[in-house]
Amino acid sequence: MQSKVGNAGKRKRKDHGVGGPATKLKKSATMQTGQQMAKPGPKPKISQDPNLFINRLNSKDPLPAMQEIVNSENQDELISEFFNSGGQVSSLTRGLDYREEKPKLNDIATVFSACHTILMSIAKSEDPKASYGGRGFSFALELCRTLLDEYNKEIMSMLSSHTGEGRF
């Protein structure tokens, strides 16, 4: 999927919150396994407190919050706060979407590291389908799908920077 360029030169991408394109996947997964997947709970009201992790992620510059989740010793608390506050895939990918200039490799790496941290937290949970109020598994599927579908260019730029001039 190609990104669209708005009037200010900011890239806009589809918001794939829980219940987006992964809904089709949920239906087929239920049909294949015969088991019902955990349904996400209702979205909680989000406080406007600027100290909340989700509000820092949704701020004009989300990269410091993403660095915090990667480097913090209390990652589990931050990830729980993210889910309890109604965090969406777009909250994580906005570090790449809403910049007027081309994102730097360090910024791309920060976003991917934050995504990796959240995905690994879900994968390491005792029951990924029930993790984070039942949102963990569906969120992980949606995040992976969004990264692979919409951020292929960024993934390739990261890979080419480590393989030398784009040779694989």
Protein backbone atom coordinates (compact mmCIF):
# COMPACT_ATOMS: atom_id res chain seq x y z
CA MET A 1 0.00 0.00 0.00
CA GLN A 2 1.43 3.35 -0.91
CA SER A 3 1.31 6.24 1.50
CA LYS A 4 -0.56 9.38 0.64
CA VAL A 5 0.96 12.83 0.92
CA GLY A 6 -1.19 15.56 2.45
CA ASN A 7 -0.92 19.30 2.04
CA ALA A 8 1.79 19.65 4.68
CA GLY A 9 3.86 16.80 3.26
CA LYS A 10 2.96 14.55 6.16
CA ARG A 11 2.47 10.90 5.38
CA LYS A 12 -0.88 9.49 6.32
CA ARG A 13 -1.58 5.82 6.66
CA LYS A 14 -4.62 3.84 7.49
CA ASP A 15 -5.27 3.48 11.22
CA HIS A 16 -5.35 -0.21 11.96
CA GLY A 17 -6.65 -0.29 15.49
CA VAL A 18 -7.97 -3.51 16.94
CA GLY A 19 -10.90 -4.58 14.80
CA GLY A 20 -9.34 -3.38 11.52
CA PRO A 21 -8.19 -5.78 8.79
CA ALA A 22 -7.33 -8.45 11.36
CA THR A 23 -11.08 -8.97 11.85
CA LYS A 24 -11.09 -11.19 8.75
CA LEU A 25 -8.19 -13.13 10.19
CA LYS A 26 -10.04 -13.63 13.48
CA LYS A 27 -12.98 -15.16 11.65
CA SER A 28 -10.82 -17.57 9.65
CA ALA A 29 -8.72 -18.46 12.71
CA THR A 30 -11.90 -19.33 14.59
CA MET A 31 -13.11 -21.47 11.69
CA GLN A 32 -9.80 -23.33 11.43
CA THR A 33 -9.25 -24.05 15.11
CA GLY A 34 -12.87 -24.29 16.20
CA GLN A 35 -12.02 -22.18 19.25
CA GLN A 36 -13.21 -18.69 19.98
CA MET A 37 -10.53 -16.03 20.33
CA ALA A 38 -10.62 -13.71 23.33
CA LYS A 39 -12.61 -10.59 22.56
CA PRO A 40 -11.10 -7.23 23.45
CA GLY A 41 -12.75 -5.37 26.29
CA PRO A 42 -14.28 -1.92 25.98
CA LYS A 43 -11.95 0.98 25.39
CA PRO A 44 -11.21 2.88 28.58
CA LYS A 45 -11.47 6.65 28.71
CA ILE A 46 -8.10 8.25 28.12
CA SER A 47 -6.95 10.90 30.56
CA GLN A 48 -5.31 14.03 29.15
CA ASP A 49 -2.49 13.82 31.73
CA PRO A 50 0.73 14.56 29.77
CA ASN A 51 2.65 12.19 32.08
CA LEU A 52 0.71 9.15 30.88
CA PHE A 53 2.74 6.95 28.57
CA ILE A 54 0.01 6.81 25.90
CA ASN A 55 -0.20 10.61 25.81
CA ARG A 56 3.57 10.86 25.37
CA LEU A 57 3.30 8.34 22.49
CA ASN A 58 0.54 10.41 20.89
CA SER A 59 2.43 13.68 21.34
CA LYS A 60 4.11 15.67 18.59
CA ASP A 61 7.39 13.83 19.20
CA PRO A 62 6.68 10.21 20.24
CA LEU A 63 10.27 8.97 19.90
CA PRO A 64 11.34 9.70 23.52
CA ALA A 65 8.39 7.62 24.77
CA MET A 66 9.38 4.80 22.42
CA GLN A 67 12.96 4.97 23.67
CA GLU A 68 11.60 4.82 27.20
CA ILE A 69 9.68 1.59 26.54
CA VAL A 70 12.78 0.00 25.00
CA ASN A 71 15.25 1.10 27.69
CA SER A 72 13.07 1.12 30.81
CA GLU A 73 13.38 -1.35 33.63
CA ASN A 74 9.59 -1.19 34.12
CA GLN A 75 8.64 -2.20 30.57
CA ASP A 76 5.77 -4.39 31.78
CA GLU A 77 4.16 -1.44 33.57
CA LEU A 78 4.50 0.81 30.51
CA ILE A 79 3.08 -1.86 28.19
CA SER A 80 0.17 -2.49 30.58
CA GLU A 81 -0.48 1.25 30.73
CA PHE A 82 -0.37 1.36 26.91
CA PHE A 83 -3.05 -1.33 26.60
CA ASN A 84 -5.15 -0.09 29.52
CA SER A 85 -5.22 3.39 27.97
CA GLY A 86 -6.51 2.05 24.64
CA GLY A 87 -3.20 2.15 22.76
CA GLN A 88 -3.48 1.45 19.04
CA VAL A 89 -1.07 0.35 16.31
CA SER A 90 -1.08 3.93 15.02
CA SER A 91 0.26 5.08 18.40
CA LEU A 92 3.42 3.11 17.68
CA THR A 93 3.80 3.86 13.99
CA ARG A 94 3.20 7.59 14.24
CA GLY A 95 6.93 8.11 14.79
CA LEU A 96 7.32 7.39 11.08
CA ASP A 97 4.06 8.80 9.71
CA TYR A 98 3.82 12.36 10.95
CA ARG A 99 7.18 13.83 10.09
CA GLU A 100 7.73 16.38 7.40
CA GLU A 101 11.27 15.24 6.66
CA LYS A 102 12.39 11.74 5.76
CA PRO A 103 12.76 9.65 8.94
CA LYS A 104 16.33 8.98 10.02
CA LEU A 105 17.56 5.41 10.41
CA ASN A 106 17.85 5.90 14.18
CA ASP A 107 14.18 6.98 14.33
CA ILE A 108 13.10 3.97 12.28
CA ALA A 109 15.15 1.70 14.54
CA THR A 110 13.54 3.25 17.64
CA VAL A 111 10.02 2.61 16.31
CA PHE A 112 10.86 -0.97 15.33
CA SER A 113 12.53 -1.58 18.72
CA ALA A 114 9.42 -0.36 20.56
CA CYS A 115 7.24 -2.62 18.39
CA HIS A 116 9.61 -5.53 19.07
CA THR A 117 9.44 -4.92 22.82
CA ILE A 118 5.63 -4.99 22.82
CA LEU A 119 5.45 -8.03 20.54
CA MET A 120 7.89 -9.97 22.71
CA SER A 121 5.96 -9.05 25.85
CA ILE A 122 2.80 -10.49 24.29
CA ALA A 123 4.62 -13.60 23.01
CA LYS A 124 6.21 -14.29 26.40
CA SER A 125 2.91 -14.06 28.28
CA GLU A 126 1.40 -17.25 29.64
CA ASP A 127 -1.64 -16.99 27.34
CA PRO A 128 -1.03 -14.52 24.49
CA LYS A 129 -4.70 -14.60 23.44
CA ALA A 130 -5.81 -13.47 26.88
CA SER A 131 -2.91 -11.10 27.53
CA TYR A 132 -3.59 -7.45 28.18
CA GLY A 133 -7.32 -7.81 28.64
CA GLY A 134 -7.69 -10.03 25.59
CA ARG A 135 -6.16 -7.44 23.27
CA GLY A 136 -2.61 -8.77 23.13
CA PHE A 137 -2.88 -11.41 20.43
CA SER A 138 -5.13 -9.43 18.08
CA PHE A 139 -2.92 -6.36 18.60
CA ALA A 140 0.21 -8.39 17.77
CA LEU A 141 -1.37 -9.69 14.56
CA GLU A 142 -2.46 -6.20 13.56
CA LEU A 143 0.94 -4.68 14.35
CA CYS A 144 2.79 -7.34 12.32
CA ARG A 145 0.40 -6.95 9.40
CA THR A 146 0.73 -3.16 9.45
CA LEU A 147 4.52 -3.23 9.66
CA LEU A 148 4.83 -5.69 6.79
CA ASP A 149 2.14 -4.15 4.58
CA GLU A 150 2.76 -0.45 5.07
CA TYR A 151 6.34 -0.07 6.22
CA ASN A 152 8.16 -2.23 3.70
CA LYS A 153 10.17 0.77 2.51
CA GLU A 154 11.39 1.48 6.05
CA ILE A 155 12.21 -2.19 6.63
CA MET A 156 14.21 -2.31 3.41
CA SER A 157 16.10 0.87 4.33
CA MET A 158 17.07 -0.69 7.66
CA LEU A 159 18.17 -3.91 5.97
CA SER A 160 20.15 -2.14 3.25
CA SER A 161 21.96 0.01 5.80
CA HIS A 162 23.28 -3.15 7.43
CA THR A 163 24.11 -5.17 4.32
CA GLY A 164 26.06 -2.55 2.43
CA GLU A 165 24.50 -0.62 -0.43
CA GLY A 166 21.34 -2.74 -0.62
CA ARG A 167 23.03 -6.03 -1.54
CA PHE A 168 21.57 -9.02 0.23
